[in-house]
Amino acid sequence: MINTLSPVGALTIRPASNGPDSSHRTEPVYGGYANGRGDIVLFGKDLAYRVNFKYKSLQQRPQLNEGAQARYDATEPGNPFNYCNKAFHRLHNDQIAEICTSGPFKLSGR
């Protein structure tokens, strides 16, 4: 789990519908990465979120596995890392903060 450090930002998550509990909530963000396809994944307390900028939505994902987490932790923010012959780029804290402040995101299905 990533949450041993202080959060670097907070995502604002809006509800999927305008039901009786239509208030926004926030999720602290502790880190994130971009994969080779350009997908952005941010780490919350217990889940990871794939960010879709076009639709301003988040898709819940599991946290990194132990091996990938070790590679991520060993990489300085802003630098690339590899895991299982795949290239990733650890996001810098400023990039994460910029994403978090870009507006509310809707939580979509898995």
PDB file of N, CA and C in Angstrom:
ATOM      1  N   MET A   1       0.849  -1.175   0.000  1.00  0.00           N
ATOM      2  CA  MET A   1       0.000   0.000   0.000  1.00  0.00           C
ATOM      3  C   MET A   1       0.892   1.236   0.000  1.00  0.00           C
ATOM      4  N   ILE A   2       0.490   2.263  -0.697  1.00  0.00           N
ATOM      5  CA  ILE A   2       1.279   3.462  -0.902  1.00  0.00           C
ATOM      6  C   ILE A   2       1.156   4.453   0.248  1.00  0.00           C
ATOM      7  N   ASN A   3       0.141   4.381   1.068  1.00  0.00           N
ATOM      8  CA  ASN A   3      -0.218   5.470   1.964  1.00  0.00           C
ATOM      9  C   ASN A   3       0.708   5.670   3.159  1.00  0.00           C
ATOM     10  N   THR A   4       1.960   5.215   3.083  1.00  0.00           N
ATOM     11  CA  THR A   4       2.893   5.469   4.159  1.00  0.00           C
ATOM     12  C   THR A   4       3.417   6.895   4.117  1.00  0.00           C
ATOM     13  N   LEU A   5       3.262   7.570   2.998  1.00  0.00           N
ATOM     14  CA  LEU A   5       3.689   8.949   2.836  1.00  0.00           C
ATOM     15  C   LEU A   5       2.489   9.879   2.916  1.00  0.00           C
ATOM     16  N   SER A   6       2.785  11.147   2.963  1.00  0.00           N
ATOM     17  CA  SER A   6       1.709  12.139   2.924  1.00  0.00           C
ATOM     18  C   SER A   6       1.130  12.198   1.518  1.00  0.00           C
ATOM     19  N   PRO A   7      -0.159  12.480   1.395  1.00  0.00           N
ATOM     20  CA  PRO A   7      -0.752  12.608   0.057  1.00  0.00           C
ATOM     21  C   PRO A   7      -0.148  13.794  -0.681  1.00  0.00           C
ATOM     22  N   VAL A   8      -0.041  13.655  -1.998  1.00  0.00           N
ATOM     23  CA  VAL A   8       0.482  14.739  -2.833  1.00  0.00           C
ATOM     24  C   VAL A   8      -0.641  15.512  -3.506  1.00  0.00           C
ATOM     25  N   GLY A   9      -1.858  15.040  -3.364  1.00  0.00           N
ATOM     26  CA  GLY A   9      -3.021  15.700  -3.947  1.00  0.00           C
ATOM     27  C   GLY A   9      -4.280  15.007  -3.474  1.00  0.00           C
ATOM     28  N   ALA A  10      -5.405  15.497  -3.970  1.00  0.00           N
ATOM     29  CA  ALA A  10      -6.693  14.883  -3.641  1.00  0.00           C
ATOM     30  C   ALA A  10      -7.605  14.972  -4.849  1.00  0.00           C
ATOM     31  N   LEU A  11      -8.128  13.842  -5.277  1.00  0.00           N
ATOM     32  CA  LEU A  11      -9.092  13.803  -6.372  1.00  0.00           C
ATOM     33  C   LEU A  11     -10.471  14.166  -5.837  1.00  0.00           C
ATOM     34  N   THR A  12     -11.182  14.976  -6.587  1.00  0.00           N
ATOM     35  CA  THR A  12     -12.575  15.252  -6.270  1.00  0.00           C
ATOM     36  C   THR A  12     -13.410  14.306  -7.101  1.00  0.00           C
ATOM     37  N   ILE A  13     -14.211  13.485  -6.418  1.00  0.00           N
ATOM     38  CA  ILE A  13     -15.024  12.466  -7.098  1.00  0.00           C
ATOM     39  C   ILE A  13     -16.482  12.851  -6.954  1.00  0.00           C
ATOM     40  N   ARG A  14     -17.137  13.002  -8.094  1.00  0.00           N
ATOM     41  CA  ARG A  14     -18.566  13.315  -8.072  1.00  0.00           C
ATOM     42  C   ARG A  14     -19.356  12.021  -8.200  1.00  0.00           C
ATOM     43  N   PRO A  15     -20.569  12.005  -7.669  1.00  0.00           N
ATOM     44  CA  PRO A  15     -21.369  10.780  -7.743  1.00  0.00           C
ATOM     45  C   PRO A  15     -21.759  10.452  -9.179  1.00  0.00           C
ATOM     46  N   ALA A  16     -22.014   9.178  -9.420  1.00  0.00           N
ATOM     47  CA  ALA A  16     -22.397   8.731 -10.761  1.00  0.00           C
ATOM     48  C   ALA A  16     -23.786   9.215 -11.147  1.00  0.00           C
ATOM     49  N   SER A  17     -24.632   9.516 -10.159  1.00  0.00           N
ATOM     50  CA  SER A  17     -25.987   9.985 -10.460  1.00  0.00           C
ATOM     51  C   SER A  17     -26.321  11.166  -9.558  1.00  0.00           C
ATOM     52  N   ASN A  18     -27.412  11.805  -9.842  1.00  0.00           N
ATOM     53  CA  ASN A  18     -27.873  12.938  -9.040  1.00  0.00           C
ATOM     54  C   ASN A  18     -28.902  12.489  -8.014  1.00  0.00           C
ATOM     55  N   GLY A  19     -28.599  11.433  -7.301  1.00  0.00           N
ATOM     56  CA  GLY A  19     -29.511  10.886  -6.300  1.00  0.00           C
ATOM     57  C   GLY A  19     -29.522  11.712  -5.033  1.00  0.00           C
ATOM     58  N   PRO A  20     -30.095  11.151  -3.968  1.00  0.00           N
ATOM     59  CA  PRO A  20     -30.218  11.890  -2.712  1.00  0.00           C
ATOM     60  C   PRO A  20     -28.862  12.265  -2.107  1.00  0.00           C
ATOM     61  N   ASP A  21     -27.835  11.446  -2.324  1.00  0.00           N
ATOM     62  CA  ASP A  21     -26.506  11.772  -1.828  1.00  0.00           C
ATOM     63  C   ASP A  21     -25.634  12.174  -3.010  1.00  0.00           C
ATOM     64  N   SER A  22     -25.816  13.383  -3.488  1.00  0.00           N
ATOM     65  CA  SER A  22     -25.102  13.827  -4.679  1.00  0.00           C
ATOM     66  C   SER A  22     -23.940  14.755  -4.344  1.00  0.00           C
ATOM     67  N   SER A  23     -23.391  14.623  -3.148  1.00  0.00           N
ATOM     68  CA  SER A  23     -22.264  15.468  -2.774  1.00  0.00           C
ATOM     69  C   SER A  23     -20.954  14.867  -3.285  1.00  0.00           C
ATOM     70  N   HIS A  24     -20.017  15.733  -3.582  1.00  0.00           N
ATOM     71  CA  HIS A  24     -18.698  15.302  -4.023  1.00  0.00           C
ATOM     72  C   HIS A  24     -17.915  14.786  -2.814  1.00  0.00           C
ATOM     73  N   ARG A  25     -16.998  13.872  -3.066  1.00  0.00           N
ATOM     74  CA  ARG A  25     -16.102  13.412  -2.021  1.00  0.00           C
ATOM     75  C   ARG A  25     -14.668  13.544  -2.534  1.00  0.00           C
ATOM     76  N   THR A  26     -13.731  13.527  -1.633  1.00  0.00           N
ATOM     77  CA  THR A  26     -12.338  13.612  -2.050  1.00  0.00           C
ATOM     78  C   THR A  26     -11.611  12.332  -1.664  1.00  0.00           C
ATOM     79  N   GLU A  27     -10.641  11.985  -2.464  1.00  0.00           N
ATOM     80  CA  GLU A  27      -9.806  10.815  -2.247  1.00  0.00           C
ATOM     81  C   GLU A  27      -8.350  11.275  -2.263  1.00  0.00           C
ATOM     82  N   PRO A  28      -7.607  11.081  -1.172  1.00  0.00           N
ATOM     83  CA  PRO A  28      -6.196  11.460  -1.181  1.00  0.00           C
ATOM     84  C   PRO A  28      -5.424  10.627  -2.201  1.00  0.00           C
ATOM     85  N   VAL A  29      -4.452  11.251  -2.841  1.00  0.00           N
ATOM     86  CA  VAL A  29      -3.629  10.591  -3.852  1.00  0.00           C
ATOM     87  C   VAL A  29      -2.185  10.583  -3.357  1.00  0.00           C
ATOM     88  N   TYR A  30      -1.567   9.408  -3.398  1.00  0.00           N
ATOM     89  CA  TYR A  30      -0.232   9.228  -2.857  1.00  0.00           C
ATOM     90  C   TYR A  30       0.848   9.032  -3.914  1.00  0.00           C
ATOM     91  N   GLY A  31       0.468   8.890  -5.162  1.00  0.00           N
ATOM     92  CA  GLY A  31       1.437   8.688  -6.238  1.00  0.00           C
ATOM     93  C   GLY A  31       0.721   8.310  -7.510  1.00  0.00           C
ATOM     94  N   GLY A  32       1.505   8.039  -8.542  1.00  0.00           N
ATOM     95  CA  GLY A  32       0.902   7.639  -9.799  1.00  0.00           C
ATOM     96  C   GLY A  32       1.955   7.392 -10.867  1.00  0.00           C
ATOM     97  N   TYR A  33       1.506   6.790 -11.971  1.00  0.00           N
ATOM     98  CA  TYR A  33       2.404   6.488 -13.075  1.00  0.00           C
ATOM     99  C   TYR A  33       1.653   6.567 -14.397  1.00  0.00           C
ATOM    100  N   ALA A  34       2.428   6.631 -15.466  1.00  0.00           N
ATOM    101  CA  ALA A  34       1.896   6.528 -16.832  1.00  0.00           C
ATOM    102  C   ALA A  34       2.489   5.272 -17.442  1.00  0.00           C
ATOM    103  N   ASN A  35       1.667   4.524 -18.177  1.00  0.00           N
ATOM    104  CA  ASN A  35       2.206   3.344 -18.844  1.00  0.00           C
ATOM    105  C   ASN A  35       2.615   3.708 -20.274  1.00  0.00           C
ATOM    106  N   GLY A  36       3.090   2.734 -21.025  1.00  0.00           N
ATOM    107  CA  GLY A  36       3.564   2.971 -22.382  1.00  0.00           C
ATOM    108  C   GLY A  36       2.496   3.459 -23.341  1.00  0.00           C
ATOM    109  N   ARG A  37       1.234   3.189 -23.060  1.00  0.00           N
ATOM    110  CA  ARG A  37       0.125   3.653 -23.913  1.00  0.00           C
ATOM    111  C   ARG A  37      -0.322   5.065 -23.541  1.00  0.00           C
ATOM    112  N   GLY A  38       0.252   5.603 -22.452  1.00  0.00           N
ATOM    113  CA  GLY A  38      -0.129   6.932 -22.010  1.00  0.00           C
ATOM    114  C   GLY A  38      -1.253   6.941 -20.997  1.00  0.00           C
ATOM    115  N   ASP A  39      -1.698   5.772 -20.548  1.00  0.00           N
ATOM    116  CA  ASP A  39      -2.721   5.711 -19.506  1.00  0.00           C
ATOM    117  C   ASP A  39      -2.122   6.209 -18.199  1.00  0.00           C
ATOM    118  N   ILE A  40      -2.895   7.006 -17.474  1.00  0.00           N
ATOM    119  CA  ILE A  40      -2.462   7.533 -16.182  1.00  0.00           C
ATOM    120  C   ILE A  40      -3.197   6.775 -15.081  1.00  0.00           C
ATOM    121  N   VAL A  41      -2.457   6.320 -14.074  1.00  0.00           N
ATOM    122  CA  VAL A  41      -3.025   5.643 -12.920  1.00  0.00           C
ATOM    123  C   VAL A  41      -2.547   6.372 -11.672  1.00  0.00           C
ATOM    124  N   LEU A  42      -3.501   6.736 -10.808  1.00  0.00           N
ATOM    125  CA  LEU A  42      -3.186   7.401  -9.551  1.00  0.00           C
ATOM    126  C   LEU A  42      -3.516   6.474  -8.394  1.00  0.00           C
ATOM    127  N   PHE A  43      -2.712   6.544  -7.329  1.00  0.00           N
ATOM    128  CA  PHE A  43      -2.896   5.669  -6.177  1.00  0.00           C
ATOM    129  C   PHE A  43      -3.658   6.372  -5.074  1.00  0.00           C
ATOM    130  N   GLY A  44      -4.818   5.811  -4.716  1.00  0.00           N
ATOM    131  CA  GLY A  44      -5.571   6.263  -3.557  1.00  0.00           C
ATOM    132  C   GLY A  44      -5.132   5.456  -2.350  1.00  0.00           C
ATOM    133  N   LYS A  45      -5.902   5.549  -1.274  1.00  0.00           N
ATOM    134  CA  LYS A  45      -5.547   4.842  -0.040  1.00  0.00           C
ATOM    135  C   LYS A  45      -5.584   3.326  -0.232  1.00  0.00           C
ATOM    136  N   ASP A  46      -6.676   2.816  -0.780  1.00  0.00           N
ATOM    137  CA  ASP A  46      -6.838   1.371  -0.923  1.00  0.00           C
ATOM    138  C   ASP A  46      -6.959   0.899  -2.359  1.00  0.00           C
ATOM    139  N   LEU A  47      -7.172   1.817  -3.289  1.00  0.00           N
ATOM    140  CA  LEU A  47      -7.350   1.476  -4.697  1.00  0.00           C
ATOM    141  C   LEU A  47      -6.490   2.367  -5.570  1.00  0.00           C
ATOM    142  N   ALA A  48      -6.344   1.960  -6.801  1.00  0.00           N
ATOM    143  CA  ALA A  48      -5.732   2.809  -7.811  1.00  0.00           C
ATOM    144  C   ALA A  48      -6.846   3.244  -8.765  1.00  0.00           C
ATOM    145  N   TYR A  49      -6.647   4.361  -9.420  1.00  0.00           N
ATOM    146  CA  TYR A  49      -7.656   4.903 -10.324  1.00  0.00           C
ATOM    147  C   TYR A  49      -7.028   5.209 -11.678  1.00  0.00           C
ATOM    148  N   ARG A  50      -7.566   4.596 -12.736  1.00  0.00           N
ATOM    149  CA  ARG A  50      -7.160   4.942 -14.097  1.00  0.00           C
ATOM    150  C   ARG A  50      -7.942   6.189 -14.481  1.00  0.00           C
ATOM    151  N   VAL A  51      -7.240   7.195 -14.963  1.00  0.00           N
ATOM    152  CA  VAL A  51      -7.850   8.486 -15.268  1.00  0.00           C
ATOM    153  C   VAL A  51      -8.186   8.558 -16.754  1.00  0.00           C
ATOM    154  N   ASN A  52      -9.435   8.896 -17.070  1.00  0.00           N
ATOM    155  CA  ASN A  52      -9.870   9.137 -18.442  1.00  0.00           C
ATOM    156  C   ASN A  52     -10.160  10.633 -18.548  1.00  0.00           C
ATOM    157  N   PHE A  53      -9.258  11.352 -19.197  1.00  0.00           N
ATOM    158  CA  PHE A  53      -9.390  12.804 -19.291  1.00  0.00           C
ATOM    159  C   PHE A  53     -10.515  13.225 -20.232  1.00  0.00           C
ATOM    160  N   LYS A  54     -10.753  12.435 -21.272  1.00  0.00           N
ATOM    161  CA  LYS A  54     -11.786  12.782 -22.244  1.00  0.00           C
ATOM    162  C   LYS A  54     -13.166  12.840 -21.590  1.00  0.00           C
ATOM    163  N   TYR A  55     -13.472  11.854 -20.775  1.00  0.00           N
ATOM    164  CA  TYR A  55     -14.783  11.775 -20.128  1.00  0.00           C
ATOM    165  C   TYR A  55     -14.753  12.223 -18.668  1.00  0.00           C
ATOM    166  N   LYS A  56     -13.598  12.718 -18.219  1.00  0.00           N
ATOM    167  CA  LYS A  56     -13.435  13.162 -16.826  1.00  0.00           C
ATOM    168  C   LYS A  56     -13.930  12.078 -15.871  1.00  0.00           C
ATOM    169  N   SER A  57     -13.430  10.847 -16.083  1.00  0.00           N
ATOM    170  CA  SER A  57     -13.881   9.731 -15.256  1.00  0.00           C
ATOM    171  C   SER A  57     -12.691   8.967 -14.686  1.00  0.00           C
ATOM    172  N   LEU A  58     -12.970   8.196 -13.655  1.00  0.00           N
ATOM    173  CA  LEU A  58     -11.993   7.340 -12.995  1.00  0.00           C
ATOM    174  C   LEU A  58     -12.492   5.915 -13.025  1.00  0.00           C
ATOM    175  N   GLN A  59     -11.605   4.996 -13.294  1.00  0.00           N
ATOM    176  CA  GLN A  59     -11.948   3.575 -13.247  1.00  0.00           C
ATOM    177  C   GLN A  59     -11.107   2.937 -12.141  1.00  0.00           C
ATOM    178  N   GLN A  60     -11.759   2.287 -11.205  1.00  0.00           N
ATOM    179  CA  GLN A  60     -11.055   1.671 -10.086  1.00  0.00           C
ATOM    180  C   GLN A  60     -10.219   0.495 -10.562  1.00  0.00           C
ATOM    181  N   ARG A  61      -9.031   0.402 -10.016  1.00  0.00           N
ATOM    182  CA  ARG A  61      -8.091  -0.674 -10.307  1.00  0.00           C
ATOM    183  C   ARG A  61      -7.499  -1.167  -8.993  1.00  0.00           C
ATOM    184  N   PRO A  62      -6.966  -2.385  -8.977  1.00  0.00           N
ATOM    185  CA  PRO A  62      -6.268  -2.835  -7.768  1.00  0.00           C
ATOM    186  C   PRO A  62      -4.926  -2.104  -7.637  1.00  0.00           C
ATOM    187  N   GLN A  63      -4.380  -2.071  -6.433  1.00  0.00           N
ATOM    188  CA  GLN A  63      -3.059  -1.506  -6.216  1.00  0.00           C
ATOM    189  C   GLN A  63      -2.022  -2.349  -6.959  1.00  0.00           C
ATOM    190  N   LEU A  64      -0.811  -1.842  -7.067  1.00  0.00           N
ATOM    191  CA  LEU A  64       0.273  -2.586  -7.707  1.00  0.00           C
ATOM    192  C   LEU A  64       0.583  -3.856  -6.922  1.00  0.00           C
ATOM    193  N   ASN A  65       1.047  -4.882  -7.633  1.00  0.00           N
ATOM    194  CA  ASN A  65       1.492  -6.078  -6.927  1.00  0.00           C
ATOM    195  C   ASN A  65       2.841  -5.784  -6.265  1.00  0.00           C
ATOM    196  N   GLU A  66       3.299  -6.692  -5.448  1.00  0.00           N
ATOM    197  CA  GLU A  66       4.489  -6.456  -4.629  1.00  0.00           C
ATOM    198  C   GLU A  66       5.738  -6.130  -5.458  1.00  0.00           C
ATOM    199  N   GLY A  67       5.951  -6.858  -6.542  1.00  0.00           N
ATOM    200  CA  GLY A  67       7.125  -6.618  -7.390  1.00  0.00           C
ATOM    201  C   GLY A  67       7.073  -5.273  -8.086  1.00  0.00           C
ATOM    202  N   ALA A  68       5.936  -4.941  -8.648  1.00  0.00           N
ATOM    203  CA  ALA A  68       5.773  -3.650  -9.325  1.00  0.00           C
ATOM    204  C   ALA A  68       5.881  -2.511  -8.319  1.00  0.00           C
ATOM    205  N   GLN A  69       5.339  -2.718  -7.115  1.00  0.00           N
ATOM    206  CA  GLN A  69       5.420  -1.693  -6.074  1.00  0.00           C
ATOM    207  C   GLN A  69       6.874  -1.423  -5.685  1.00  0.00           C
ATOM    208  N   ALA A  70       7.667  -2.480  -5.600  1.00  0.00           N
ATOM    209  CA  ALA A  70       9.083  -2.316  -5.252  1.00  0.00           C
ATOM    210  C   ALA A  70       9.814  -1.501  -6.317  1.00  0.00           C
ATOM    211  N   ARG A  71       9.526  -1.767  -7.595  1.00  0.00           N
ATOM    212  CA  ARG A  71      10.144  -0.984  -8.683  1.00  0.00           C
ATOM    213  C   ARG A  71       9.689   0.472  -8.632  1.00  0.00           C
ATOM    214  N   TYR A  72       8.414   0.674  -8.401  1.00  0.00           N
ATOM    215  CA  TYR A  72       7.871   2.033  -8.308  1.00  0.00           C
ATOM    216  C   TYR A  72       8.547   2.790  -7.160  1.00  0.00           C
ATOM    217  N   ASP A  73       8.630   2.172  -5.993  1.00  0.00           N
ATOM    218  CA  ASP A  73       9.215   2.815  -4.817  1.00  0.00           C
ATOM    219  C   ASP A  73      10.691   3.141  -5.017  1.00  0.00           C
ATOM    220  N   ALA A  74      11.405   2.326  -5.793  1.00  0.00           N
ATOM    221  CA  ALA A  74      12.831   2.540  -6.019  1.00  0.00           C
ATOM    222  C   ALA A  74      13.101   3.632  -7.062  1.00  0.00           C
ATOM    223  N   THR A  75      12.068   4.111  -7.719  1.00  0.00           N
ATOM    224  CA  THR A  75      12.206   5.110  -8.777  1.00  0.00           C
ATOM    225  C   THR A  75      11.882   6.492  -8.240  1.00  0.00           C
ATOM    226  N   GLU A  76      12.733   7.451  -8.565  1.00  0.00           N
ATOM    227  CA  GLU A  76      12.486   8.835  -8.176  1.00  0.00           C
ATOM    228  C   GLU A  76      11.321   9.398  -9.001  1.00  0.00           C
ATOM    229  N   PRO A  77      10.500  10.261  -8.398  1.00  0.00           N
ATOM    230  CA  PRO A  77       9.411  10.889  -9.160  1.00  0.00           C
ATOM    231  C   PRO A  77       9.936  11.581 -10.416  1.00  0.00           C
ATOM    232  N   GLY A  78       9.218  11.376 -11.513  1.00  0.00           N
ATOM    233  CA  GLY A  78       9.593  11.966 -12.795  1.00  0.00           C
ATOM    234  C   GLY A  78      10.462  11.079 -13.655  1.00  0.00           C
ATOM    235  N   ASN A  79      10.838   9.904 -13.162  1.00  0.00           N
ATOM    236  CA  ASN A  79      11.736   9.017 -13.904  1.00  0.00           C
ATOM    237  C   ASN A  79      11.019   7.764 -14.393  1.00  0.00           C
ATOM    238  N   PRO A  80      11.575   7.132 -15.445  1.00  0.00           N
ATOM    239  CA  PRO A  80      10.986   5.890 -15.957  1.00  0.00           C
ATOM    240  C   PRO A  80      11.415   4.681 -15.130  1.00  0.00           C
ATOM    241  N   PHE A  81      10.604   3.626 -15.199  1.00  0.00           N
ATOM    242  CA  PHE A  81      10.970   2.336 -14.611  1.00  0.00           C
ATOM    243  C   PHE A  81      10.357   1.241 -15.458  1.00  0.00           C
ATOM    244  N   ASN A  82      10.913   0.054 -15.352  1.00  0.00           N
ATOM    245  CA  ASN A  82      10.427  -1.102 -16.104  1.00  0.00           C
ATOM    246  C   ASN A  82       9.958  -2.169 -15.145  1.00  0.00           C
ATOM    247  N   TYR A  83       8.923  -2.873 -15.568  1.00  0.00           N
ATOM    248  CA  TYR A  83       8.443  -4.028 -14.829  1.00  0.00           C
ATOM    249  C   TYR A  83       7.883  -5.021 -15.833  1.00  0.00           C
ATOM    250  N   CYS A  84       8.351  -6.264 -15.784  1.00  0.00           N
ATOM    251  CA  CYS A  84       7.921  -7.317 -16.713  1.00  0.00           C
ATOM    252  C   CYS A  84       8.037  -6.872 -18.166  1.00  0.00           C
ATOM    253  N   ASN A  85       9.174  -6.325 -18.525  1.00  0.00           N
ATOM    254  CA  ASN A  85       9.463  -5.873 -19.891  1.00  0.00           C
ATOM    255  C   ASN A  85       8.515  -4.792 -20.396  1.00  0.00           C
ATOM    256  N   LYS A  86       7.852  -4.087 -19.498  1.00  0.00           N
ATOM    257  CA  LYS A  86       6.970  -2.980 -19.859  1.00  0.00           C
ATOM    258  C   LYS A  86       7.545  -1.696 -19.276  1.00  0.00           C
ATOM    259  N   ALA A  87       7.436  -0.615 -20.044  1.00  0.00           N
ATOM    260  CA  ALA A  87       7.956   0.680 -19.613  1.00  0.00           C
ATOM    261  C   ALA A  87       6.863   1.490 -18.924  1.00  0.00           C
ATOM    262  N   PHE A  88       7.211   2.125 -17.831  1.00  0.00           N
ATOM    263  CA  PHE A  88       6.324   2.995 -17.072  1.00  0.00           C
ATOM    264  C   PHE A  88       7.075   4.274 -16.749  1.00  0.00           C
ATOM    265  N   HIS A  89       6.344   5.284 -16.395  1.00  0.00           N
ATOM    266  CA  HIS A  89       6.941   6.559 -16.002  1.00  0.00           C
ATOM    267  C   HIS A  89       6.287   7.003 -14.702  1.00  0.00           C
ATOM    268  N   ARG A  90       7.089   7.113 -13.645  1.00  0.00           N
ATOM    269  CA  ARG A  90       6.548   7.565 -12.363  1.00  0.00           C
ATOM    270  C   ARG A  90       6.269   9.058 -12.462  1.00  0.00           C
ATOM    271  N   LEU A  91       5.047   9.433 -12.144  1.00  0.00           N
ATOM    272  CA  LEU A  91       4.660  10.834 -12.237  1.00  0.00           C
ATOM    273  C   LEU A  91       5.319  11.659 -11.143  1.00  0.00           C
ATOM    274  N   HIS A  92       5.660  12.869 -11.504  1.00  0.00           N
ATOM    275  CA  HIS A  92       6.201  13.812 -10.538  1.00  0.00           C
ATOM    276  C   HIS A  92       5.039  14.358  -9.704  1.00  0.00           C
ATOM    277  N   ASN A  93       5.302  14.740  -8.476  1.00  0.00           N
ATOM    278  CA  ASN A  93       4.241  15.239  -7.593  1.00  0.00           C
ATOM    279  C   ASN A  93       3.495  16.428  -8.182  1.00  0.00           C
ATOM    280  N   ASP A  94       4.187  17.296  -8.922  1.00  0.00           N
ATOM    281  CA  ASP A  94       3.524  18.439  -9.558  1.00  0.00           C
ATOM    282  C   ASP A  94       2.530  17.979 -10.622  1.00  0.00           C
ATOM    283  N   GLN A  95       2.876  16.921 -11.363  1.00  0.00           N
ATOM    284  CA  GLN A  95       1.961  16.379 -12.372  1.00  0.00           C
ATOM    285  C   GLN A  95       0.714  15.819 -11.709  1.00  0.00           C
ATOM    286  N   ILE A  96       0.894  15.128 -10.595  1.00  0.00           N
ATOM    287  CA  ILE A  96      -0.235  14.546  -9.874  1.00  0.00           C
ATOM    288  C   ILE A  96      -1.141  15.655  -9.340  1.00  0.00           C
ATOM    289  N   ALA A  97      -0.538  16.675  -8.754  1.00  0.00           N
ATOM    290  CA  ALA A  97      -1.321  17.795  -8.222  1.00  0.00           C
ATOM    291  C   ALA A  97      -2.105  18.484  -9.339  1.00  0.00           C
ATOM    292  N   GLU A  98      -1.505  18.630 -10.511  1.00  0.00           N
ATOM    293  CA  GLU A  98      -2.189  19.265 -11.651  1.00  0.00           C
ATOM    294  C   GLU A  98      -3.397  18.441 -12.088  1.00  0.00           C
ATOM    295  N   ILE A  99      -3.251  17.127 -12.134  1.00  0.00           N
ATOM    296  CA  ILE A  99      -4.370  16.251 -12.496  1.00  0.00           C
ATOM    297  C   ILE A  99      -5.484  16.386 -11.460  1.00  0.00           C
ATOM    298  N   CYS A 100      -5.108  16.364 -10.195  1.00  0.00           N
ATOM    299  CA  CYS A 100      -6.097  16.422  -9.117  1.00  0.00           C
ATOM    300  C   CYS A 100      -6.893  17.726  -9.133  1.00  0.00           C
ATOM    301  N   THR A 101      -6.256  18.815  -9.529  1.00  0.00           N
ATOM    302  CA  THR A 101      -6.942  20.107  -9.529  1.00  0.00           C
ATOM    303  C   THR A 101      -7.637  20.403 -10.857  1.00  0.00           C
ATOM    304  N   SER A 102      -7.612  19.470 -11.791  1.00  0.00           N
ATOM    305  CA  SER A 102      -8.216  19.722 -13.107  1.00  0.00           C
ATOM    306  C   SER A 102      -9.738  19.613 -13.095  1.00  0.00           C
ATOM    307  N   GLY A 103     -10.335  19.346 -11.938  1.00  0.00           N
ATOM    308  CA  GLY A 103     -11.793  19.315 -11.832  1.00  0.00           C
ATOM    309  C   GLY A 103     -12.291  18.009 -11.266  1.00  0.00           C
ATOM    310  N   PRO A 104     -13.581  17.920 -11.004  1.00  0.00           N
ATOM    311  CA  PRO A 104     -14.126  16.674 -10.455  1.00  0.00           C
ATOM    312  C   PRO A 104     -14.189  15.578 -11.513  1.00  0.00           C
ATOM    313  N   PHE A 105     -14.025  14.347 -11.057  1.00  0.00           N
ATOM    314  CA  PHE A 105     -14.091  13.173 -11.927  1.00  0.00           C
ATOM    315  C   PHE A 105     -15.253  12.298 -11.478  1.00  0.00           C
ATOM    316  N   LYS A 106     -15.891  11.672 -12.445  1.00  0.00           N
ATOM    317  CA  LYS A 106     -16.979  10.723 -12.164  1.00  0.00           C
ATOM    318  C   LYS A 106     -16.361   9.341 -12.038  1.00  0.00           C
ATOM    319  N   LEU A 107     -16.822   8.569 -11.061  1.00  0.00           N
ATOM    320  CA  LEU A 107     -16.357   7.214 -10.865  1.00  0.00           C
ATOM    321  C   LEU A 107     -17.169   6.308 -11.774  1.00  0.00           C
ATOM    322  N   SER A 108     -16.476   5.622 -12.685  1.00  0.00           N
ATOM    323  CA  SER A 108     -17.168   4.721 -13.613  1.00  0.00           C
ATOM    324  C   SER A 108     -16.981   3.275 -13.161  1.00  0.00           C
ATOM    325  N   GLY A 109     -17.650   2.353 -13.828  1.00  0.00           N
ATOM    326  CA  GLY A 109     -17.567   0.940 -13.488  1.00  0.00           C
ATOM    327  C   GLY A 109     -16.203   0.367 -13.784  1.00  0.00           C
ATOM    328  N   ARG A 110     -15.953  -0.806 -13.269  1.00  0.00           N
ATOM    329  CA  ARG A 110     -14.653  -1.460 -13.471  1.00  0.00           C
ATOM    330  C   ARG A 110     -14.455  -1.863 -14.893  1.00  0.00           C
TER     331      ARG A 110
END
